[in-house]
Protein backbone atom coordinates (compact mmCIF):
# COMPACT_ATOMS: atom_id res chain seq x y z
CA MET A 1 -92.76 153.14 31.30
CA LYS A 2 -90.07 150.52 30.64
CA PRO A 3 -89.29 148.16 33.49
CA GLN A 4 -85.95 148.65 35.12
CA THR A 5 -83.29 146.03 34.46
CA THR A 6 -80.39 145.22 36.68
CA LYS A 7 -77.07 144.89 34.95
CA ARG A 8 -74.73 142.19 36.20
CA ARG A 9 -71.71 143.86 37.67
CA THR A 10 -68.40 143.09 36.03
CA GLU A 11 -64.91 143.99 37.14
CA SER A 12 -61.99 145.32 35.22
CA PRO A 13 -58.95 143.14 34.40
CA ALA A 14 -56.92 145.17 36.93
CA ASP A 15 -59.52 144.53 39.65
CA VAL A 16 -59.56 140.83 38.79
CA ALA A 17 -55.77 140.48 38.93
CA SER A 18 -55.67 142.32 42.23
CA GLN A 19 -58.43 140.35 43.93
CA LEU A 20 -57.48 136.92 42.64
CA ALA A 21 -53.77 137.44 43.27
CA LEU A 22 -52.92 135.50 40.11
CA ARG A 23 -49.63 133.66 40.41
CA PRO A 24 -46.69 134.19 38.09
CA GLY A 25 -47.27 132.12 35.00
CA GLN A 26 -50.90 131.34 35.80
CA SER A 27 -52.89 131.00 32.56
CA VAL A 28 -55.38 133.81 32.09
CA GLU A 29 -56.26 132.12 28.79
CA LEU A 30 -57.41 129.04 30.74
CA LEU A 31 -59.73 131.17 32.91
CA LYS A 32 -61.22 132.64 29.73
CA GLU A 33 -61.66 129.23 28.15
CA LEU A 34 -63.48 128.06 31.26
CA HIS A 35 -65.69 131.18 30.97
CA ILE A 36 -64.63 132.27 34.44
CA LEU A 37 -63.28 135.42 32.80
CA THR A 38 -64.80 137.14 29.77
CA ARG A 39 -62.76 137.55 26.60
CA GLU A 40 -61.95 141.04 27.88
CA GLY A 41 -60.55 139.54 31.09
CA ARG A 42 -63.44 140.61 33.30
CA LEU A 43 -65.12 138.74 36.09
CA ASN A 44 -68.81 138.80 37.06
CA GLN A 45 -70.25 138.01 40.49
CA ASP A 46 -71.39 134.49 39.61
CA SER A 47 -67.96 133.56 38.30
CA ARG A 48 -66.30 135.17 41.30
CA ARG A 49 -68.17 132.84 43.68
CA LYS A 50 -67.29 129.77 41.63
CA LEU A 51 -63.64 130.72 41.27
CA LYS A 52 -63.29 131.56 44.96
CA GLN A 53 -64.48 128.08 45.88
CA VAL A 54 -62.17 126.42 43.35
CA LEU A 55 -59.10 128.44 44.38
CA HIS A 56 -59.67 127.79 48.09
CA LEU A 57 -59.99 124.07 47.43
CA VAL A 58 -56.87 124.14 45.21
CA GLN A 59 -54.88 125.55 48.14
CA PHE A 60 -55.90 122.64 50.37
CA ILE A 61 -55.18 120.06 47.66
CA GLU A 62 -51.80 121.58 46.81
CA LYS A 63 -50.78 121.03 50.44
CA LEU A 64 -51.84 117.39 50.20
CA LEU A 65 -49.83 117.00 46.98
CA ASP A 66 -46.78 118.64 48.56
CA GLU A 67 -46.90 116.16 51.44
CA LEU A 68 -46.74 113.10 49.15
CA PRO A 69 -43.47 111.17 48.93
CA PRO A 70 -41.79 111.41 45.48
CA THR A 71 -42.85 108.72 43.01
CA PRO A 72 -41.67 107.92 39.47
CA GLY A 73 -43.71 109.99 37.01
CA GLY A 74 -45.20 112.16 39.76
CA PRO A 75 -48.49 111.90 41.64
CA SER A 76 -51.89 111.04 40.18
CA LEU A 77 -55.14 112.79 41.05
CA ALA A 78 -58.74 111.80 40.23
CA ASP A 79 -61.41 114.49 40.22
CA HIS A 80 -64.86 112.92 40.58
CA GLY A 81 -68.03 114.56 39.29
CA ALA A 82 -65.69 116.85 37.37
CA GLY A 83 -68.40 118.75 35.44
CA LYS A 84 -66.61 121.35 33.35
CA SER A 85 -63.38 120.41 35.17
CA TYR A 86 -62.73 123.83 36.69
CA LEU A 87 -60.92 122.19 39.59
CA GLY A 88 -58.86 119.77 37.50
CA PHE A 89 -57.75 122.41 34.99
CA VAL A 90 -56.77 124.96 37.66
CA LEU A 91 -54.89 122.33 39.63
CA TYR A 92 -53.01 121.20 36.50
CA ASP A 93 -52.17 124.81 35.60
CA LEU A 94 -50.92 125.76 39.06
CA TRP A 95 -49.34 122.56 40.41
CA PHE A 96 -48.85 119.83 37.80
CA ARG A 97 -47.80 121.92 34.79
CA PRO A 98 -44.90 123.77 36.47
CA ARG A 99 -43.48 120.47 37.75
CA GLY A 100 -43.72 118.68 34.44
CA GLU A 101 -44.96 115.45 35.97
CA GLY A 102 -48.05 113.78 37.36
CA TRP A 103 -51.48 113.07 35.94
CA VAL A 104 -54.97 114.49 36.46
CA TYR A 105 -58.02 112.33 35.66
CA GLY A 106 -61.43 114.00 35.33
CA ILE A 107 -64.38 111.61 35.81
CA GLU A 108 -67.79 112.79 34.60
CA THR A 109 -71.02 111.12 33.43
CA ARG A 110 -72.05 113.80 30.89
CA ALA A 111 -70.40 112.91 27.60
CA GLU A 112 -70.62 116.41 26.17
CA LEU A 113 -68.64 117.87 29.10
CA VAL A 114 -66.04 115.14 28.79
CA GLN A 115 -65.56 115.92 25.07
CA ARG A 116 -65.38 119.62 25.79
CA SER A 117 -62.69 119.10 28.44
CA ARG A 118 -60.68 116.83 26.14
CA LYS A 119 -60.68 119.47 23.42
CA LEU A 120 -59.69 122.21 25.83
CA ALA A 121 -56.81 120.18 27.28
CA ALA A 122 -55.53 119.49 23.76
CA ARG A 123 -55.82 123.18 22.80
CA LEU A 124 -53.91 124.29 25.89
CA GLY A 125 -51.27 121.55 25.63
CA PHE A 126 -52.24 120.00 28.98
CA GLU A 127 -50.97 116.58 27.88
CA ARG A 128 -51.16 114.80 31.23
CA MET A 129 -54.90 115.26 31.67
CA GLN A 130 -57.39 112.52 30.81
CA PHE A 131 -61.18 112.73 30.90
CA LEU A 132 -63.36 109.65 31.31
CA ASN A 133 -67.07 109.34 30.60
CA LEU A 134 -67.88 107.22 33.65
CA SER A 135 -69.85 107.35 36.84
CA VAL A 136 -67.86 107.54 40.08
CA ALA A 137 -68.88 103.96 40.89
CA GLU A 138 -67.87 102.67 37.44
CA SER A 139 -64.48 104.31 37.61
CA ALA A 140 -63.31 102.08 40.46
CA ASP A 141 -63.13 99.10 38.08
CA SER A 142 -62.12 100.96 34.92
CA GLN A 143 -58.95 99.78 33.16
CA ALA A 144 -58.45 103.37 31.95
CA LEU A 145 -57.20 104.35 35.41
CA PRO A 146 -54.05 103.16 37.18
CA ALA A 147 -54.22 100.67 40.03
CA GLN A 148 -53.31 103.37 42.55
CA ILE A 149 -54.47 107.01 42.64
CA ASP A 150 -52.62 109.23 45.07
CA VAL A 151 -55.23 111.95 45.65
CA VAL A 152 -59.01 111.77 45.23
CA THR A 153 -61.18 114.90 45.03
CA ALA A 154 -64.90 115.46 44.74
CA LEU A 155 -66.29 119.00 44.71
CA HIS A 156 -70.06 119.00 45.21
CA ALA A 157 -70.54 115.38 44.06
CA CYS A 158 -74.27 114.87 44.74
CA ASP A 159 -75.73 112.53 47.32
CA THR A 160 -74.10 109.08 47.25
CA ALA A 161 -71.51 110.10 44.62
CA THR A 162 -69.37 111.34 47.53
CA ASP A 163 -69.60 107.88 49.12
CA ASP A 164 -68.65 106.36 45.74
CA ALA A 165 -65.65 108.69 45.67
CA ILE A 166 -64.61 107.45 49.13
CA ALA A 167 -65.06 103.82 48.01
CA PHE A 168 -62.95 104.60 44.92
CA GLY A 169 -60.24 106.15 47.09
CA LEU A 170 -60.14 103.10 49.37
CA LYS A 171 -59.97 100.69 46.44
CA LYS A 172 -57.28 102.77 44.71
CA ARG A 173 -55.28 103.03 47.95
CA ALA A 174 -55.44 106.82 47.93
CA ARG A 175 -52.96 108.60 50.14
CA ALA A 176 -55.27 111.60 50.54
CA MET A 177 -58.82 112.72 49.80
CA ALA A 178 -60.46 116.16 49.63
CA LEU A 179 -64.27 116.00 49.61
CA VAL A 180 -66.92 118.74 49.55
CA PRO A 181 -70.21 116.82 49.83
CA CYS A 182 -73.52 117.95 48.33
CA CYS A 183 -77.21 116.99 48.63
CA GLN A 184 -76.76 114.19 51.18
CA ALA A 185 -80.14 112.45 50.83
CA GLU A 186 -79.59 108.70 51.31
CA VAL A 187 -79.43 108.77 55.11
CA ALA A 188 -82.39 111.20 55.25
CA ARG A 189 -84.44 108.74 53.16
CA ALA A 190 -83.51 105.92 55.52
CA LEU A 191 -84.40 108.00 58.57
CA ASN A 192 -87.76 108.86 57.03
CA ALA A 193 -88.53 105.25 56.15
CA SER A 194 -88.18 104.08 59.76
CA LYS A 195 -89.51 107.24 61.40
CA ALA A 196 -92.65 105.72 62.95
CA LEU A 197 -90.75 102.80 64.46
CA ASN A 198 -88.06 105.05 65.89
CA LEU A 199 -90.58 107.52 67.34
CA SER A 200 -91.93 104.66 69.46
CA ARG A 201 -88.44 103.37 70.28
CA THR A 202 -86.44 106.47 71.33
CA PRO A 203 -87.06 110.14 72.13
CA LEU A 204 -84.04 110.91 69.91
CA ALA A 205 -86.35 110.38 66.93
CA GLU A 206 -87.79 113.80 67.71
CA LEU A 207 -84.61 115.13 66.08
CA TRP A 208 -85.98 114.06 62.69
CA ARG A 209 -89.76 113.98 63.18
CA HIS A 210 -90.31 117.05 61.01
CA PRO A 211 -89.33 116.82 57.32
CA LEU A 212 -87.03 119.84 57.47
CA HIS A 213 -85.21 118.38 60.46
CA THR A 214 -84.98 115.01 58.70
CA ARG A 215 -83.19 116.62 55.80
CA GLU A 216 -80.83 118.67 57.96
CA LEU A 217 -80.03 115.88 60.42
CA GLY A 218 -79.59 113.42 57.53
CA SER A 219 -77.02 115.74 55.96
CA GLN A 220 -75.11 116.23 59.21
CA LEU A 221 -75.26 112.58 60.14
CA THR A 222 -74.05 111.50 56.71
CA ASN A 223 -70.86 113.51 57.00
CA VAL A 224 -70.24 112.38 60.58
CA LEU A 225 -70.54 108.76 59.45
CA ARG A 226 -68.20 109.40 56.52
CA CYS A 227 -65.55 110.84 58.83
CA LEU A 228 -65.76 107.88 61.24
CA TYR A 229 -65.62 105.48 58.28
CA LEU A 230 -62.44 107.12 56.96
CA GLU A 231 -60.84 107.10 60.43
CA ALA A 232 -61.73 103.42 60.84
CA SER A 233 -60.15 102.80 57.42
CA GLY A 234 -56.79 104.26 58.40
CA TYR A 235 -57.14 107.99 57.62
CA GLN A 236 -56.55 111.06 59.73
CA VAL A 237 -59.56 113.33 59.12
CA THR A 238 -59.95 117.11 59.35
CA VAL A 239 -63.25 118.89 58.79
CA THR A 240 -63.35 122.60 58.00
CA GLU A 241 -65.17 125.24 55.98
CA LEU A 242 -64.23 125.66 52.38
CA VAL A 243 -65.27 129.31 51.95
CA GLY A 244 -67.66 131.74 53.61
CA TRP A 245 -71.28 130.64 53.78
CA GLU A 246 -72.24 133.60 51.64
CA HIS A 247 -70.59 131.85 48.69
CA SER A 248 -72.10 128.39 49.09
CA LEU A 249 -74.33 126.53 51.55
CA LYS A 250 -72.56 123.30 50.59
CA ASN A 251 -69.44 124.35 52.38
CA GLU A 252 -68.10 121.44 54.43
CA LEU A 253 -64.65 120.23 53.44
CA ILE A 254 -63.47 116.77 54.57
CA LEU A 255 -59.71 116.25 54.29
CA ALA A 256 -58.36 112.76 54.81
CA ARG A 257 -54.70 111.71 54.94
CA TYR A 258 -53.75 108.04 55.02
CA THR A 259 -51.70 107.06 58.07
CA GLY A 260 -52.48 103.32 58.25
CA GLN A 261 -53.65 103.71 61.86
CA ARG A 262 -57.14 102.23 61.80
CA LYS A 263 -59.08 103.63 64.77
CA ARG A 264 -61.00 100.89 66.49
CA SER A 265 -62.95 103.48 68.48
CA ALA A 266 -64.10 105.10 65.21
CA ALA A 267 -65.37 101.75 63.93
CA GLU A 268 -67.20 101.10 67.20
CA ARG A 269 -68.81 104.54 67.24
CA LEU A 270 -69.75 104.25 63.58
CA HIS A 271 -71.68 101.04 64.22
CA ALA A 272 -73.17 102.44 67.48
CA ILE A 273 -74.52 105.48 65.64
CA LEU A 274 -75.94 103.34 62.82
CA GLU A 275 -77.71 101.21 65.42
CA GLU A 276 -78.95 104.18 67.47
CA PHE A 277 -80.54 105.78 64.40
CA GLY A 278 -81.90 102.59 62.90
CA LEU A 279 -79.47 102.63 59.97
CA GLN A 280 -77.91 99.18 60.41
CA ALA A 281 -78.50 98.29 56.74
CA LEU A 282 -75.86 100.84 55.74
CA ALA A 283 -73.21 98.91 57.68
CA ALA A 284 -73.18 96.27 54.92
CA THR A 285 -73.19 98.74 52.01
CA ARG A 286 -71.89 102.28 52.40
CA PHE A 287 -69.91 101.72 55.58
CA ALA A 288 -68.50 98.20 55.18
CA LEU A 289 -64.93 98.52 56.40
CA PRO A 290 -62.38 97.66 53.69
CA GLY A 291 -59.05 95.87 53.99
CA ALA A 292 -56.98 97.72 51.34
CA ARG A 293 -54.18 100.07 52.33
CA PRO A 294 -51.76 102.19 50.24
CA GLU A 295 -48.52 100.50 49.30
CA GLY A 296 -45.57 101.67 51.34
CA SER A 297 -47.77 103.20 54.05
CA ALA A 298 -47.70 102.27 57.71
CA SER A 299 -50.11 99.67 58.99
CA SER A 300 -51.96 99.68 62.26
């Protein structure tokens, strides 16, 4: 008797158009090139989850772009940990291409993905897209990028790559950031390293005595520290869900808009939390408060 196989469910082009609510002029050819849709215009369940996340994030980023003051040549956006550049391509197709201005920079460490994205952009005529084979940290000092980047994005940039994206945004005087962190492990490692000392110092260490709790608390604590750091650096921060948890467990979206109002209370609480959890070493590395601010923005 042959074993039963489960066929992956696909949807018809009509179903896809109805569920995705494709906008007038949106490139179906792009979605096929990105292998989100099949050549027949169908969508499978795996692609549906990926596209749902991207389209939800695009809606948030479009709002950030709409809020920017007009600049010569249009706004610039850097997408960190771009991967296959789903986010960058869809943003360019829906927001940058219709306006005929602005630039999108995809930053990715895997050379083969960078080359693939370059070829696809050339084939589609997306002339104001550039792809750089760099790490997030390297990109901050790269001459291939302009001195100021208006919007910084990072969708599921792993572990400290999200912190590198924040550092990049601060150095490039970003007016807005949209971050969906992933695999926050650095703080968990630091908590684990000083666990015995903290267990003798404070009953709060019970929150991360067990390895599973260390990982979960480390992830939560990392994002709380990131939000305080951004607020202390002059950004207004909003935290929300990107999509339903059934689509992704890495679902926290951090939106930051530069106001120039550096919150002293955020800086004080940031350092207090670092001290309470025995993470003071991070105050000189990940969470060292910068002095840069976007040109033309208000100061505190």
